[in-house]
N, C-alpha and C. Protein backbone atom coordinates (compact mmCIF):
# COMPACT_ATOMS: atom_id res chain seq x y z
N MET A 1 0.82 -1.19 0.00
CA MET A 1 0.00 0.00 0.00
C MET A 1 0.87 1.26 0.00
N VAL A 2 1.88 1.29 0.83
CA VAL A 2 2.78 2.44 0.90
C VAL A 2 3.52 2.59 -0.42
N ILE A 3 3.90 1.49 -1.04
CA ILE A 3 4.61 1.55 -2.31
C ILE A 3 3.72 2.20 -3.37
N GLY A 4 2.45 1.88 -3.38
CA GLY A 4 1.52 2.47 -4.33
C GLY A 4 1.42 3.98 -4.17
N ILE A 5 1.40 4.44 -2.94
CA ILE A 5 1.33 5.87 -2.67
C ILE A 5 2.59 6.56 -3.17
N VAL A 6 3.74 5.97 -2.90
CA VAL A 6 5.01 6.55 -3.34
C VAL A 6 5.06 6.60 -4.87
N VAL A 7 4.63 5.54 -5.52
CA VAL A 7 4.63 5.51 -6.98
C VAL A 7 3.72 6.59 -7.54
N ASN A 8 2.54 6.77 -6.96
CA ASN A 8 1.62 7.81 -7.42
C ASN A 8 2.21 9.20 -7.25
N VAL A 9 2.87 9.44 -6.14
CA VAL A 9 3.50 10.75 -5.90
C VAL A 9 4.60 10.99 -6.93
N LEU A 10 5.41 9.98 -7.18
CA LEU A 10 6.48 10.13 -8.17
C LEU A 10 5.92 10.37 -9.57
N GLU A 11 4.85 9.68 -9.93
CA GLU A 11 4.22 9.88 -11.23
C GLU A 11 3.69 11.29 -11.36
N ASP A 12 3.08 11.80 -10.31
CA ASP A 12 2.56 13.18 -10.32
C ASP A 12 3.69 14.18 -10.49
N GLU A 13 4.79 13.97 -9.78
CA GLU A 13 5.93 14.88 -9.89
C GLU A 13 6.51 14.86 -11.30
N HIS A 14 6.64 13.68 -11.88
CA HIS A 14 7.18 13.57 -13.24
C HIS A 14 6.24 14.23 -14.25
N SER A 15 4.95 14.07 -14.04
CA SER A 15 3.97 14.68 -14.93
C SER A 15 4.09 16.20 -14.89
N LYS A 16 4.22 16.77 -13.70
CA LYS A 16 4.36 18.21 -13.56
C LYS A 16 5.66 18.70 -14.20
N GLU A 17 6.72 17.93 -14.05
CA GLU A 17 8.00 18.30 -14.65
C GLU A 17 7.90 18.29 -16.18
N ARG A 18 7.23 17.27 -16.73
CA ARG A 18 7.05 17.19 -18.18
C ARG A 18 6.23 18.36 -18.70
N GLU A 19 5.16 18.70 -17.99
CA GLU A 19 4.33 19.84 -18.40
C GLU A 19 5.14 21.14 -18.40
N ALA A 20 5.94 21.33 -17.36
CA ALA A 20 6.75 22.55 -17.28
C ALA A 20 7.76 22.58 -18.42
N GLN A 21 8.39 21.45 -18.70
CA GLN A 21 9.37 21.40 -19.78
C GLN A 21 8.70 21.61 -21.14
N ASP A 22 7.52 21.05 -21.32
CA ASP A 22 6.78 21.25 -22.58
C ASP A 22 6.47 22.73 -22.80
N LYS A 23 6.09 23.44 -21.73
CA LYS A 23 5.83 24.87 -21.86
C LYS A 23 7.09 25.61 -22.25
N LEU A 24 8.21 25.24 -21.63
CA LEU A 24 9.48 25.89 -21.97
C LEU A 24 9.89 25.59 -23.40
N ASP A 25 9.55 24.40 -23.88
CA ASP A 25 9.91 24.00 -25.25
C ASP A 25 8.95 24.57 -26.28
N GLY A 26 7.88 25.21 -25.81
CA GLY A 26 6.91 25.80 -26.72
C GLY A 26 5.88 24.82 -27.24
N LYS A 27 5.77 23.68 -26.61
CA LYS A 27 4.76 22.70 -27.03
C LYS A 27 3.39 23.15 -26.55
N ILE A 28 2.38 22.82 -27.31
CA ILE A 28 1.01 23.20 -26.98
C ILE A 28 0.49 22.28 -25.87
N THR A 29 -0.13 22.89 -24.88
CA THR A 29 -0.68 22.12 -23.77
C THR A 29 -2.21 22.06 -23.90
N ILE A 30 -2.82 21.25 -23.10
CA ILE A 30 -4.28 21.15 -23.07
C ILE A 30 -4.88 22.49 -22.70
N GLU A 31 -4.25 23.21 -21.78
CA GLU A 31 -4.75 24.52 -21.38
C GLU A 31 -4.72 25.49 -22.57
N ASP A 32 -3.66 25.42 -23.38
CA ASP A 32 -3.56 26.27 -24.57
C ASP A 32 -4.70 25.97 -25.55
N VAL A 33 -4.94 24.70 -25.78
CA VAL A 33 -6.00 24.29 -26.72
C VAL A 33 -7.35 24.74 -26.18
N SER A 34 -7.57 24.57 -24.90
CA SER A 34 -8.84 24.98 -24.29
C SER A 34 -9.04 26.48 -24.42
N ARG A 35 -8.00 27.26 -24.17
CA ARG A 35 -8.08 28.71 -24.27
C ARG A 35 -8.38 29.13 -25.71
N GLN A 36 -7.71 28.49 -26.66
CA GLN A 36 -7.93 28.82 -28.07
C GLN A 36 -9.36 28.45 -28.49
N LEU A 37 -9.85 27.34 -28.02
CA LEU A 37 -11.21 26.93 -28.33
C LEU A 37 -12.23 27.93 -27.78
N ASP A 38 -11.99 28.39 -26.55
CA ASP A 38 -12.87 29.40 -25.97
C ASP A 38 -12.85 30.68 -26.79
N GLU A 39 -11.67 31.08 -27.25
CA GLU A 39 -11.56 32.28 -28.08
C GLU A 39 -12.33 32.11 -29.39
N LEU A 40 -12.22 30.95 -30.00
CA LEU A 40 -12.94 30.69 -31.24
C LEU A 40 -14.45 30.71 -31.03
N LYS A 41 -14.90 30.11 -29.95
CA LYS A 41 -16.32 30.11 -29.63
C LYS A 41 -16.82 31.55 -29.46
N GLN A 42 -16.02 32.37 -28.79
CA GLN A 42 -16.41 33.76 -28.59
C GLN A 42 -16.46 34.51 -29.90
N MET A 43 -15.51 34.25 -30.80
CA MET A 43 -15.50 34.90 -32.11
C MET A 43 -16.74 34.51 -32.93
N ILE A 44 -17.10 33.24 -32.87
CA ILE A 44 -18.27 32.76 -33.60
C ILE A 44 -19.54 33.39 -33.03
N ALA A 45 -19.61 33.47 -31.73
CA ALA A 45 -20.79 34.04 -31.07
C ALA A 45 -20.95 35.52 -31.39
N ASN A 46 -19.86 36.22 -31.63
CA ASN A 46 -19.91 37.66 -31.90
C ASN A 46 -20.27 37.98 -33.35
N LYS A 47 -20.29 36.99 -34.22
CA LYS A 47 -20.60 37.23 -35.63
C LYS A 47 -22.07 37.33 -35.88
């Protein structure tokens, strides 16, 4: 049980590190896509 908790914590840390590195590398994130989609929806609604 303790091993599972440690593994989950390590996976979370690695995931956060990858996301930070992706942002530094200029890769598109889910947040970027979501923001762009919201902008497009707003543009369509304003027409």
